[in-house]
Protein backbone atom coordinates (compact mmCIF):
# COMPACT_ATOMS: atom_id res chain seq x y z
CA MET A 1 0.05 -0.25 -0.20
CA LYS A 2 1.20 3.39 -0.89
CA LYS A 3 1.60 6.17 1.85
CA SER A 4 -0.87 8.30 -0.21
CA GLU A 5 -3.40 5.62 -0.06
CA SER A 6 -3.29 5.22 3.71
CA LEU A 7 -4.35 8.89 4.08
CA ALA A 8 -7.81 9.93 3.70
CA LYS A 9 -8.68 13.86 3.44
CA GLU A 10 -10.86 15.21 6.12
CA GLY A 11 -11.82 18.85 5.87
CA GLY A 12 -9.79 21.44 4.29
CA ASN A 13 -6.44 20.84 5.90
CA TYR A 14 -6.55 17.69 7.70
CA PHE A 15 -5.79 14.18 6.81
CA ARG A 16 -6.42 10.80 8.86
CA LEU A 17 -5.08 7.41 8.67
CA THR A 18 -7.22 4.71 7.06
CA ASP A 19 -5.15 1.83 7.88
CA PRO A 20 -2.57 2.30 10.73
CA ALA A 21 -1.61 -1.18 10.60
CA GLY A 22 0.02 -0.78 7.18
CA LEU A 23 2.73 1.84 8.52
CA THR A 24 6.20 0.55 9.60
CA LYS A 25 8.17 1.37 12.53
CA ALA A 26 11.28 3.26 12.41
CA ALA A 27 14.08 0.90 13.40
CA SER A 28 16.31 3.42 15.06
CA ALA A 29 14.05 5.78 16.69
CA GLN A 30 15.12 7.01 20.12
CA VAL A 31 13.68 9.48 22.59
CA VAL A 32 16.46 11.42 24.77
CA GLN A 33 15.05 13.35 27.70
CA GLY A 34 16.39 16.86 27.52
CA GLY A 35 18.23 16.34 24.19
CA LEU A 36 18.16 19.02 21.47
CA GLU A 37 16.99 18.26 17.89
CA GLY A 38 19.33 18.88 15.25
CA SER A 39 18.63 20.64 12.28
CA ASN A 40 18.71 18.56 8.73
CA ALA A 41 20.06 21.48 6.94
CA GLY A 42 23.72 22.90 7.12
CA PRO A 43 24.11 26.39 8.03
CA ALA A 44 26.86 27.25 5.64
CA GLU A 45 24.90 25.78 2.75
CA SER A 46 21.85 27.57 3.88
CA ALA A 47 23.63 30.78 4.00
CA VAL A 48 25.04 30.39 0.35
CA ARG A 49 21.54 29.74 -1.12
CA LEU A 50 20.04 32.51 0.69
CA VAL A 51 22.80 34.68 -0.76
CA GLY A 52 21.95 33.30 -4.20
CA VAL A 53 18.32 33.65 -3.91
CA LEU A 54 18.85 37.65 -2.57
CA ARG A 55 21.08 37.94 -5.90
CA GLN A 56 18.48 36.64 -8.01
CA PHE A 57 15.65 38.75 -6.21
CA GLU A 58 17.67 42.12 -6.76
CA MET A 59 18.25 41.33 -10.30
CA LEU A 60 14.60 40.75 -11.11
CA GLN A 61 13.88 43.78 -8.99
CA ARG A 62 16.02 45.91 -11.36
CA ALA A 63 14.56 44.22 -14.48
CA VAL A 64 11.04 45.31 -13.52
CA ALA A 65 12.17 48.71 -12.71
CA MET A 66 13.88 49.11 -15.91
CA GLY A 67 10.55 47.68 -17.75
CA GLY A 68 8.67 50.46 -15.82
CA GLU A 69 11.16 53.05 -17.14
CA MET A 70 10.95 51.83 -20.58
CA ASN A 71 7.12 51.64 -20.51
CA LYS A 72 7.09 55.51 -19.06
CA LYS A 73 9.41 56.60 -21.94
CA ALA A 74 7.41 54.85 -24.42
CA VAL A 75 4.20 56.86 -23.34
CA GLU A 76 6.16 59.99 -23.18
CA GLU A 77 7.28 59.39 -26.71
CA VAL A 78 3.92 58.67 -27.98
CA ALA A 79 2.17 61.35 -26.24
CA ARG A 80 4.46 63.80 -27.93
CA PRO A 81 3.15 65.92 -30.63
């Protein structure tokens, strides 16, 4: 049985298990009292990706601004007698 078949949609944002017996238990799951959970994302890699996304955003922002300026110039040129 696929994972998607073991869930049934209930309401707008909720799902319920249709067959809890079909699920497998985690073999190495362990609960430690007072333990802190670690992140599954590396901080250095996340910082590099953030800088890349920021640069892309700035380039797109400049492109949109240039498009607006070009539209403004085009309107001014057309309106000139």
